[in-house]
């Protein structure tokens, strides 16, 4: 994945990174791909609008609401999620959100 998106300036982060939300917001604005590493079986609720692609148009701009902020949404944004869990069990709701919105979820065992 890192090699595939290297030319697009892939940003790598983790849920434990204190600046993860800020990094995600910037990546969404500029259309930069993000790799979210080492995800466990539950995801941060702050990711819900991204997973559900809750994008809307206002005044000719594409926007997405993250927390209490509306930010510009670049359709080139991609989110990749990886896990080190050998056999992760995600809730069916999460699987539906991800597969219907064509986000890539990768299960990688090291």
Protein backbone atom coordinates (compact mmCIF):
# COMPACT_ATOMS: atom_id res chain seq x y z
CA UNK A 1 0.00 0.00 0.00
CA UNK A 2 2.80 2.37 0.89
CA UNK A 3 4.44 1.80 -2.48
CA UNK A 4 1.15 2.11 -4.35
CA UNK A 5 0.35 5.55 -2.88
CA UNK A 6 3.92 6.83 -2.49
CA UNK A 7 3.57 9.12 -5.52
CA UNK A 8 0.45 10.64 -3.94
CA UNK A 9 2.30 11.52 -0.71
CA UNK A 10 0.63 8.90 1.49
CA UNK A 11 0.25 10.04 5.10
CA UNK A 12 0.69 7.31 7.71
CA UNK A 13 -0.85 7.71 11.16
CA UNK A 14 -2.27 5.71 14.06
CA UNK A 15 -5.34 6.11 16.27
CA UNK A 16 -2.97 6.74 19.18
CA UNK A 17 -1.43 9.78 17.47
CA UNK A 18 -2.62 12.90 19.34
CA UNK A 19 -2.64 14.87 16.07
CA UNK A 20 -4.53 12.24 14.08
CA UNK A 21 -7.70 14.34 13.71
CA UNK A 22 -5.74 17.35 12.50
CA UNK A 23 -3.81 15.19 10.02
CA UNK A 24 -7.05 13.67 8.71
CA UNK A 25 -8.64 17.09 8.26
CA UNK A 26 -5.67 18.35 6.27
CA UNK A 27 -5.59 15.21 4.12
CA UNK A 28 -9.32 15.50 3.39
CA UNK A 29 -8.89 19.13 2.32
CA UNK A 30 -6.06 18.44 -0.12
CA UNK A 31 -7.11 14.96 -1.28
CA UNK A 32 -4.14 13.16 0.22
CA UNK A 33 -4.40 9.40 0.92
CA UNK A 34 -4.14 8.31 4.56
CA UNK A 35 -3.05 4.97 5.96
CA UNK A 36 -4.44 4.36 9.44
CA UNK A 37 -2.24 1.65 10.97
CA UNK A 38 -2.65 -0.82 13.83
CA UNK A 39 -6.41 -0.48 14.17
CA UNK A 40 -8.07 -2.72 16.74
CA UNK A 41 -11.60 -4.10 16.46
CA UNK A 42 -13.25 -0.79 17.33
CA UNK A 43 -12.76 2.52 15.58
CA UNK A 44 -12.84 6.05 16.91
CA UNK A 45 -16.38 7.49 16.58
CA UNK A 46 -14.81 10.61 15.08
CA UNK A 47 -14.23 8.56 11.92
CA UNK A 48 -17.96 7.95 11.37
CA UNK A 49 -18.53 10.86 8.94
CA UNK A 50 -15.55 9.70 6.89
CA UNK A 51 -16.59 6.05 6.84
CA UNK A 52 -20.14 6.97 5.87
CA UNK A 53 -18.95 9.57 3.37
CA UNK A 54 -21.29 12.17 4.80
CA UNK A 55 -20.31 14.69 2.15
CA UNK A 56 -22.70 17.41 1.08
CA UNK A 57 -22.69 20.39 -1.25
CA UNK A 58 -23.09 23.92 0.00
CA UNK A 59 -22.53 26.95 -2.19
CA UNK A 60 -20.80 24.86 -4.84
CA UNK A 61 -18.32 23.39 -2.33
CA UNK A 62 -18.11 19.80 -1.12
CA UNK A 63 -18.07 19.73 2.67
CA UNK A 64 -17.88 17.15 5.43
CA UNK A 65 -18.58 17.76 9.10
CA UNK A 66 -15.94 16.42 11.47
CA UNK A 67 -16.76 17.12 15.08
CA UNK A 68 -17.92 20.72 15.24
CA UNK A 69 -16.14 21.82 12.05
CA UNK A 70 -17.19 21.82 8.44
CA UNK A 71 -14.21 21.25 6.21
CA UNK A 72 -13.77 21.20 2.45
CA UNK A 73 -13.80 17.68 1.03
CA UNK A 74 -11.54 16.74 -1.87
CA UNK A 75 -12.90 13.70 -3.74
CA UNK A 76 -9.33 12.42 -4.24
CA UNK A 77 -9.11 11.62 -0.50
CA UNK A 78 -8.68 7.91 0.28
CA UNK A 79 -8.56 6.14 3.63
CA UNK A 80 -6.75 2.84 4.06
CA UNK A 81 -7.05 0.97 7.36
CA UNK A 82 -4.73 -1.82 8.49
CA UNK A 83 -4.69 -4.11 11.48
CA UNK A 84 -2.07 -6.38 12.99
CA UNK A 85 -4.75 -8.61 14.45
CA UNK A 86 -4.49 -12.14 13.03
CA UNK A 87 -8.25 -12.64 12.91
CA UNK A 88 -10.06 -9.33 13.48
CA UNK A 89 -13.79 -9.39 14.12
CA UNK A 90 -15.48 -6.15 13.13
CA UNK A 91 -19.11 -5.37 13.71
CA UNK A 92 -21.29 -5.95 10.63
CA UNK A 93 -22.27 -2.27 10.65
CA UNK A 94 -18.65 -1.28 10.13
CA UNK A 95 -18.20 -3.73 7.28
CA UNK A 96 -21.30 -2.38 5.53
CA UNK A 97 -20.13 1.24 5.89
CA UNK A 98 -16.73 0.46 4.50
CA UNK A 99 -17.77 -1.77 1.61
CA UNK A 100 -20.63 0.44 0.39
CA UNK A 101 -18.43 3.54 0.40
CA UNK A 102 -15.51 1.83 -1.35
CA UNK A 103 -12.91 2.56 1.29
CA UNK A 104 -10.09 0.06 1.33
CA UNK A 105 -9.72 -1.98 4.47
CA UNK A 106 -6.69 -4.21 4.60
CA UNK A 107 -5.99 -6.85 7.20
CA UNK A 108 -2.27 -7.28 7.41
CA UNK A 109 -0.62 -9.73 9.77
CA UNK A 110 3.05 -9.12 10.50
